[in-house]
Amino acid sequence: MADASNVLGTPLASCSTDPLTGFYRDGCCSTGAGDFGAHVVCAQMTTAFLTFTQAQGNDLSTPVPAYQFPGLKPGDRWCLCASRWKEALDAGVAPPVVLEATHAATLEYVSLADLKAHAVDG
């Protein structure tokens, strides 16, 4: 995915290697044919978002050792599904995003203006 672009039109930066994120578990919010959830938004977790997504049936806080998933805490960066970030935006609990590490495919789900309004430095 070395040629992937971010929402700013520049090369996609790494989102997180600790915890190791990405659909391909390579630290980047890259996407491909098998990524039906479009895990393309590099987001910095907040308590409000983690509570919200758990209420939606996606518990990101609890570790799942069988999948080498450590469980997330506020401050961790993670590649979120674009549709979940949009749901959180609509609910008023969208977590901050790292624009340089958010894949350009995100723009199929949300506007650049909304992403910029929630941007945090990479």
N, C-alpha and C. Protein backbone atom coordinates (compact mmCIF):
# COMPACT_ATOMS: atom_id res chain seq x y z
N MET A 1 0.82 -1.19 0.00
CA MET A 1 0.00 0.00 0.00
C MET A 1 0.87 1.26 0.00
N ALA A 2 2.10 1.13 -0.47
CA ALA A 2 3.03 2.25 -0.44
C ALA A 2 2.54 3.45 -1.25
N ASP A 3 1.65 3.22 -2.21
CA ASP A 3 1.17 4.32 -3.04
C ASP A 3 -0.15 4.90 -2.55
N ALA A 4 -0.62 4.48 -1.38
CA ALA A 4 -1.88 4.98 -0.84
C ALA A 4 -1.75 6.45 -0.46
N SER A 5 -2.86 7.17 -0.64
CA SER A 5 -2.89 8.60 -0.30
C SER A 5 -3.81 8.85 0.89
N ASN A 6 -3.54 9.93 1.58
CA ASN A 6 -4.41 10.34 2.68
C ASN A 6 -5.44 11.35 2.18
N VAL A 7 -6.28 11.83 3.08
CA VAL A 7 -7.34 12.77 2.72
C VAL A 7 -6.82 14.13 2.26
N LEU A 8 -5.55 14.39 2.49
CA LEU A 8 -4.93 15.65 2.06
C LEU A 8 -4.27 15.51 0.69
N GLY A 9 -4.27 14.27 0.16
CA GLY A 9 -3.67 14.03 -1.14
C GLY A 9 -2.18 13.74 -1.11
N THR A 10 -1.62 13.53 0.06
CA THR A 10 -0.21 13.22 0.21
C THR A 10 -0.08 11.74 0.63
N PRO A 11 1.14 11.19 0.63
CA PRO A 11 1.29 9.78 1.00
C PRO A 11 0.72 9.47 2.39
N LEU A 12 0.08 8.33 2.50
CA LEU A 12 -0.53 7.90 3.75
C LEU A 12 0.53 7.63 4.81
N ALA A 13 0.40 8.27 5.96
CA ALA A 13 1.33 8.08 7.08
C ALA A 13 0.84 6.94 7.96
N SER A 14 1.72 6.45 8.80
CA SER A 14 1.37 5.41 9.77
C SER A 14 0.42 5.99 10.82
N CYS A 15 -0.52 5.17 11.26
CA CYS A 15 -1.47 5.59 12.30
C CYS A 15 -0.95 5.18 13.68
N SER A 16 -0.65 3.88 13.85
CA SER A 16 -0.16 3.40 15.15
C SER A 16 0.47 2.02 15.02
N THR A 17 1.59 1.86 15.68
CA THR A 17 2.20 0.54 15.79
C THR A 17 2.11 0.01 17.22
N ASP A 18 1.62 0.84 18.14
CA ASP A 18 1.46 0.44 19.54
C ASP A 18 0.25 1.16 20.12
N PRO A 19 -0.95 0.56 20.03
CA PRO A 19 -1.21 -0.79 19.52
C PRO A 19 -1.11 -0.85 18.00
N LEU A 20 -0.77 -2.03 17.49
CA LEU A 20 -0.66 -2.23 16.05
C LEU A 20 -2.04 -2.25 15.43
N THR A 21 -2.29 -1.30 14.53
CA THR A 21 -3.61 -1.13 13.94
C THR A 21 -3.58 -1.37 12.44
N GLY A 22 -4.72 -1.17 11.83
CA GLY A 22 -4.88 -1.31 10.39
C GLY A 22 -5.52 -2.63 10.02
N PHE A 23 -6.29 -2.62 8.95
CA PHE A 23 -6.92 -3.85 8.48
C PHE A 23 -5.88 -4.93 8.23
N TYR A 24 -4.72 -4.51 7.73
CA TYR A 24 -3.64 -5.45 7.45
C TYR A 24 -2.66 -5.58 8.62
N ARG A 25 -2.96 -4.94 9.73
CA ARG A 25 -2.10 -4.91 10.92
C ARG A 25 -0.67 -4.54 10.56
N ASP A 26 -0.59 -3.43 9.80
CA ASP A 26 0.71 -2.91 9.40
C ASP A 26 0.95 -1.51 9.93
N GLY A 27 0.03 -1.03 10.79
CA GLY A 27 0.16 0.30 11.37
C GLY A 27 -0.49 1.40 10.55
N CYS A 28 -0.94 1.07 9.33
CA CYS A 28 -1.54 2.06 8.44
C CYS A 28 -3.02 1.77 8.21
N CYS A 29 -3.77 2.82 7.91
CA CYS A 29 -5.19 2.67 7.61
C CYS A 29 -5.39 2.43 6.12
N SER A 30 -4.63 1.46 5.60
CA SER A 30 -4.75 1.05 4.21
C SER A 30 -6.02 0.23 4.04
N THR A 31 -6.48 0.13 2.81
CA THR A 31 -7.69 -0.64 2.53
C THR A 31 -7.49 -1.42 1.24
N GLY A 32 -8.36 -2.38 1.05
CA GLY A 32 -8.30 -3.21 -0.15
C GLY A 32 -9.59 -3.98 -0.32
N ALA A 33 -9.62 -4.87 -1.26
CA ALA A 33 -10.84 -5.60 -1.63
C ALA A 33 -11.47 -6.35 -0.45
N GLY A 34 -10.67 -6.87 0.45
CA GLY A 34 -11.22 -7.65 1.56
C GLY A 34 -11.68 -6.82 2.75
N ASP A 35 -11.42 -5.54 2.72
CA ASP A 35 -11.75 -4.66 3.85
C ASP A 35 -13.18 -4.11 3.69
N PHE A 36 -14.14 -4.96 3.96
CA PHE A 36 -15.54 -4.57 3.78
C PHE A 36 -15.99 -3.48 4.74
N GLY A 37 -15.30 -3.32 5.85
CA GLY A 37 -15.64 -2.28 6.82
C GLY A 37 -14.99 -0.94 6.55
N ALA A 38 -14.10 -0.88 5.57
CA ALA A 38 -13.37 0.35 5.25
C ALA A 38 -12.73 0.95 6.51
N HIS A 39 -11.74 0.26 7.06
CA HIS A 39 -11.00 0.68 8.25
C HIS A 39 -9.97 1.73 7.86
N VAL A 40 -10.44 2.94 7.56
CA VAL A 40 -9.61 3.94 6.91
C VAL A 40 -9.41 5.25 7.68
N VAL A 41 -10.08 5.39 8.82
CA VAL A 41 -9.98 6.63 9.61
C VAL A 41 -9.02 6.42 10.78
N CYS A 42 -7.92 7.16 10.78
CA CYS A 42 -6.99 7.09 11.90
C CYS A 42 -7.53 8.02 12.99
N ALA A 43 -8.06 7.41 14.03
CA ALA A 43 -8.70 8.17 15.10
C ALA A 43 -7.98 7.97 16.43
N GLN A 44 -8.01 9.02 17.24
CA GLN A 44 -7.46 8.96 18.59
C GLN A 44 -8.62 8.72 19.54
N MET A 45 -8.56 7.61 20.24
CA MET A 45 -9.68 7.20 21.08
C MET A 45 -9.95 8.19 22.22
N THR A 46 -11.24 8.32 22.52
CA THR A 46 -11.71 9.12 23.65
C THR A 46 -12.65 8.24 24.47
N THR A 47 -12.84 8.59 25.71
CA THR A 47 -13.79 7.85 26.55
C THR A 47 -15.18 7.90 25.94
N ALA A 48 -15.59 9.07 25.47
CA ALA A 48 -16.94 9.21 24.89
C ALA A 48 -17.12 8.31 23.68
N PHE A 49 -16.11 8.24 22.81
CA PHE A 49 -16.24 7.38 21.63
C PHE A 49 -16.24 5.91 22.02
N LEU A 50 -15.35 5.51 22.91
CA LEU A 50 -15.29 4.10 23.32
C LEU A 50 -16.61 3.65 23.95
N THR A 51 -17.22 4.52 24.73
CA THR A 51 -18.53 4.22 25.32
C THR A 51 -19.59 4.12 24.23
N PHE A 52 -19.57 5.04 23.29
CA PHE A 52 -20.52 5.05 22.18
C PHE A 52 -20.42 3.77 21.34
N THR A 53 -19.22 3.42 20.93
CA THR A 53 -19.08 2.27 20.04
C THR A 53 -19.43 0.97 20.77
N GLN A 54 -19.14 0.91 22.06
CA GLN A 54 -19.54 -0.28 22.83
C GLN A 54 -21.07 -0.40 22.86
N ALA A 55 -21.76 0.71 23.02
CA ALA A 55 -23.23 0.71 23.02
C ALA A 55 -23.79 0.29 21.66
N GLN A 56 -22.99 0.46 20.60
CA GLN A 56 -23.41 0.05 19.26
C GLN A 56 -23.07 -1.41 18.98
N GLY A 57 -22.47 -2.08 19.95
CA GLY A 57 -22.14 -3.50 19.80
C GLY A 57 -20.71 -3.77 19.37
N ASN A 58 -19.86 -2.76 19.38
CA ASN A 58 -18.46 -2.95 19.00
C ASN A 58 -17.58 -2.50 20.16
N ASP A 59 -17.28 -3.43 21.05
CA ASP A 59 -16.48 -3.15 22.24
C ASP A 59 -15.01 -3.12 21.86
N LEU A 60 -14.44 -1.93 21.83
CA LEU A 60 -13.02 -1.78 21.50
C LEU A 60 -12.15 -1.67 22.75
N SER A 61 -12.76 -1.70 23.92
CA SER A 61 -12.01 -1.52 25.17
C SER A 61 -11.53 -2.84 25.78
N THR A 62 -12.23 -3.91 25.52
CA THR A 62 -11.92 -5.20 26.13
C THR A 62 -10.90 -5.97 25.29
N PRO A 63 -9.80 -6.40 25.90
CA PRO A 63 -8.81 -7.19 25.17
C PRO A 63 -9.41 -8.51 24.66
N VAL A 64 -8.94 -8.93 23.48
CA VAL A 64 -9.32 -10.22 22.91
C VAL A 64 -8.02 -10.92 22.50
N PRO A 65 -7.40 -11.63 23.46
CA PRO A 65 -6.09 -12.24 23.21
C PRO A 65 -6.07 -13.18 21.99
N ALA A 66 -7.16 -13.86 21.71
CA ALA A 66 -7.19 -14.78 20.58
C ALA A 66 -6.92 -14.08 19.25
N TYR A 67 -7.20 -12.78 19.19
CA TYR A 67 -6.95 -12.00 17.98
C TYR A 67 -5.81 -11.00 18.17
N GLN A 68 -5.01 -11.20 19.21
CA GLN A 68 -3.92 -10.29 19.55
C GLN A 68 -4.41 -8.84 19.64
N PHE A 69 -5.64 -8.68 20.16
CA PHE A 69 -6.22 -7.35 20.32
C PHE A 69 -6.08 -6.93 21.78
N PRO A 70 -5.33 -5.85 22.04
CA PRO A 70 -5.02 -5.47 23.42
C PRO A 70 -6.14 -4.73 24.15
N GLY A 71 -7.18 -4.32 23.42
CA GLY A 71 -8.18 -3.43 24.01
C GLY A 71 -7.63 -2.01 23.95
N LEU A 72 -8.50 -1.07 23.66
CA LEU A 72 -8.05 0.31 23.50
C LEU A 72 -8.43 1.16 24.69
N LYS A 73 -7.64 2.21 24.89
CA LYS A 73 -7.91 3.16 25.97
C LYS A 73 -7.83 4.57 25.38
N PRO A 74 -8.39 5.55 26.07
CA PRO A 74 -8.29 6.93 25.58
C PRO A 74 -6.84 7.30 25.27
N GLY A 75 -6.67 7.94 24.12
CA GLY A 75 -5.34 8.34 23.68
C GLY A 75 -4.75 7.41 22.64
N ASP A 76 -5.17 6.13 22.64
CA ASP A 76 -4.69 5.20 21.63
C ASP A 76 -5.19 5.63 20.25
N ARG A 77 -4.40 5.35 19.24
CA ARG A 77 -4.82 5.62 17.86
C ARG A 77 -5.17 4.29 17.20
N TRP A 78 -6.24 4.31 16.40
CA TRP A 78 -6.77 3.08 15.81
C TRP A 78 -7.43 3.40 14.48
N CYS A 79 -7.33 2.48 13.54
CA CYS A 79 -7.99 2.63 12.24
C CYS A 79 -9.45 2.20 12.37
N LEU A 80 -10.33 3.18 12.36
CA LEU A 80 -11.76 2.93 12.50
C LEU A 80 -12.43 2.77 11.15
N CYS A 81 -13.56 2.06 11.18
CA CYS A 81 -14.43 1.99 10.01
C CYS A 81 -14.98 3.40 9.76
N ALA A 82 -14.96 3.81 8.51
CA ALA A 82 -15.43 5.15 8.16
C ALA A 82 -16.90 5.33 8.55
N SER A 83 -17.70 4.30 8.37
CA SER A 83 -19.12 4.42 8.71
C SER A 83 -19.34 4.58 10.21
N ARG A 84 -18.51 3.96 11.05
CA ARG A 84 -18.62 4.12 12.50
C ARG A 84 -18.23 5.53 12.90
N TRP A 85 -17.16 6.07 12.29
CA TRP A 85 -16.76 7.44 12.60
C TRP A 85 -17.88 8.40 12.23
N LYS A 86 -18.52 8.17 11.09
CA LYS A 86 -19.64 9.01 10.66
C LYS A 86 -20.80 8.91 11.64
N GLU A 87 -21.11 7.71 12.12
CA GLU A 87 -22.16 7.53 13.14
C GLU A 87 -21.81 8.32 14.40
N ALA A 88 -20.56 8.25 14.81
CA ALA A 88 -20.12 8.98 16.00
C ALA A 88 -20.20 10.49 15.77
N LEU A 89 -19.86 10.92 14.57
CA LEU A 89 -19.98 12.34 14.22
C LEU A 89 -21.43 12.79 14.37
N ASP A 90 -22.34 12.01 13.80
CA ASP A 90 -23.76 12.35 13.86
C ASP A 90 -24.29 12.36 15.30
N ALA A 91 -23.67 11.54 16.16
CA ALA A 91 -24.07 11.45 17.57
C ALA A 91 -23.34 12.48 18.45
N GLY A 92 -22.42 13.24 17.86
CA GLY A 92 -21.70 14.25 18.62
C GLY A 92 -20.53 13.73 19.44
N VAL A 93 -20.03 12.52 19.13
CA VAL A 93 -18.92 11.94 19.89
C VAL A 93 -17.78 11.46 18.99
N ALA A 94 -17.64 12.08 17.82
CA ALA A 94 -16.56 11.67 16.91
C ALA A 94 -15.20 11.90 17.55
N PRO A 95 -14.34 10.89 17.53
CA PRO A 95 -13.00 11.08 18.08
C PRO A 95 -12.14 11.90 17.12
N PRO A 96 -11.09 12.52 17.64
CA PRO A 96 -10.17 13.27 16.78
C PRO A 96 -9.54 12.35 15.73
N VAL A 97 -9.18 12.93 14.58
CA VAL A 97 -8.56 12.17 13.51
C VAL A 97 -7.19 12.74 13.17
N VAL A 98 -6.32 11.87 12.70
CA VAL A 98 -5.00 12.25 12.21
C VAL A 98 -5.13 12.27 10.69
N LEU A 99 -5.22 13.45 10.12
CA LEU A 99 -5.47 13.59 8.68
C LEU A 99 -4.40 12.92 7.83
N GLU A 100 -3.14 13.06 8.20
CA GLU A 100 -2.04 12.49 7.43
C GLU A 100 -2.09 10.97 7.38
N ALA A 101 -2.76 10.35 8.35
CA ALA A 101 -2.83 8.89 8.44
C ALA A 101 -4.23 8.36 8.13
N THR A 102 -5.13 9.23 7.67
CA THR A 102 -6.49 8.83 7.30
C THR A 102 -6.57 8.67 5.79
N HIS A 103 -6.91 7.47 5.35
CA HIS A 103 -6.91 7.11 3.93
C HIS A 103 -7.90 7.96 3.13
N ALA A 104 -7.54 8.28 1.90
CA ALA A 104 -8.38 9.08 1.02
C ALA A 104 -9.77 8.48 0.81
N ALA A 105 -9.92 7.17 0.93
CA ALA A 105 -11.22 6.51 0.75
C ALA A 105 -12.24 7.01 1.78
N THR A 106 -11.78 7.60 2.86
CA THR A 106 -12.68 8.15 3.88
C THR A 106 -13.61 9.20 3.29
N LEU A 107 -13.14 9.89 2.28
CA LEU A 107 -13.93 10.98 1.68
C LEU A 107 -15.18 10.47 0.96
N GLU A 108 -15.30 9.16 0.79
CA GLU A 108 -16.53 8.57 0.25
C GLU A 108 -17.63 8.54 1.31
N TYR A 109 -17.26 8.74 2.57
CA TYR A 109 -18.19 8.63 3.69
C TYR A 109 -18.45 9.95 4.40
N VAL A 110 -17.40 10.78 4.51
CA VAL A 110 -17.49 12.04 5.24
C VAL A 110 -16.73 13.13 4.48
N SER A 111 -17.06 14.36 4.77
CA SER A 111 -16.40 15.48 4.09
C SER A 111 -15.05 15.81 4.72
N LEU A 112 -14.20 16.39 3.92
CA LEU A 112 -12.91 16.85 4.43
C LEU A 112 -13.12 17.93 5.48
N ALA A 113 -14.14 18.75 5.32
CA ALA A 113 -14.43 19.79 6.31
C ALA A 113 -14.73 19.18 7.67
N ASP A 114 -15.52 18.11 7.71
CA ASP A 114 -15.83 17.44 8.98
C ASP A 114 -14.57 16.83 9.59
N LEU A 115 -13.74 16.23 8.75
CA LEU A 115 -12.49 15.65 9.25
C LEU A 115 -11.57 16.73 9.80
N LYS A 116 -11.44 17.83 9.06
CA LYS A 116 -10.57 18.93 9.53
C LYS A 116 -11.08 19.53 10.84
N ALA A 117 -12.39 19.55 11.02
CA ALA A 117 -12.97 20.09 12.25
C ALA A 117 -12.63 19.21 13.46
N HIS A 118 -12.21 17.96 13.20
CA HIS A 118 -11.87 17.02 14.29
C HIS A 118 -10.40 16.60 14.24
N ALA A 119 -9.59 17.37 13.54
CA ALA A 119 -8.20 16.99 13.34
C ALA A 119 -7.34 17.21 14.58
N VAL A 120 -6.39 16.32 14.74
CA VAL A 120 -5.38 16.42 15.78
C VAL A 120 -4.03 16.24 15.08
N ASP A 121 -2.98 16.82 15.60
CA ASP A 121 -1.67 16.70 14.98
C ASP A 121 -1.20 15.25 14.96
N GLY A 122 -0.57 14.90 13.85
CA GLY A 122 -0.04 13.54 13.69
C GLY A 122 1.18 13.35 14.50
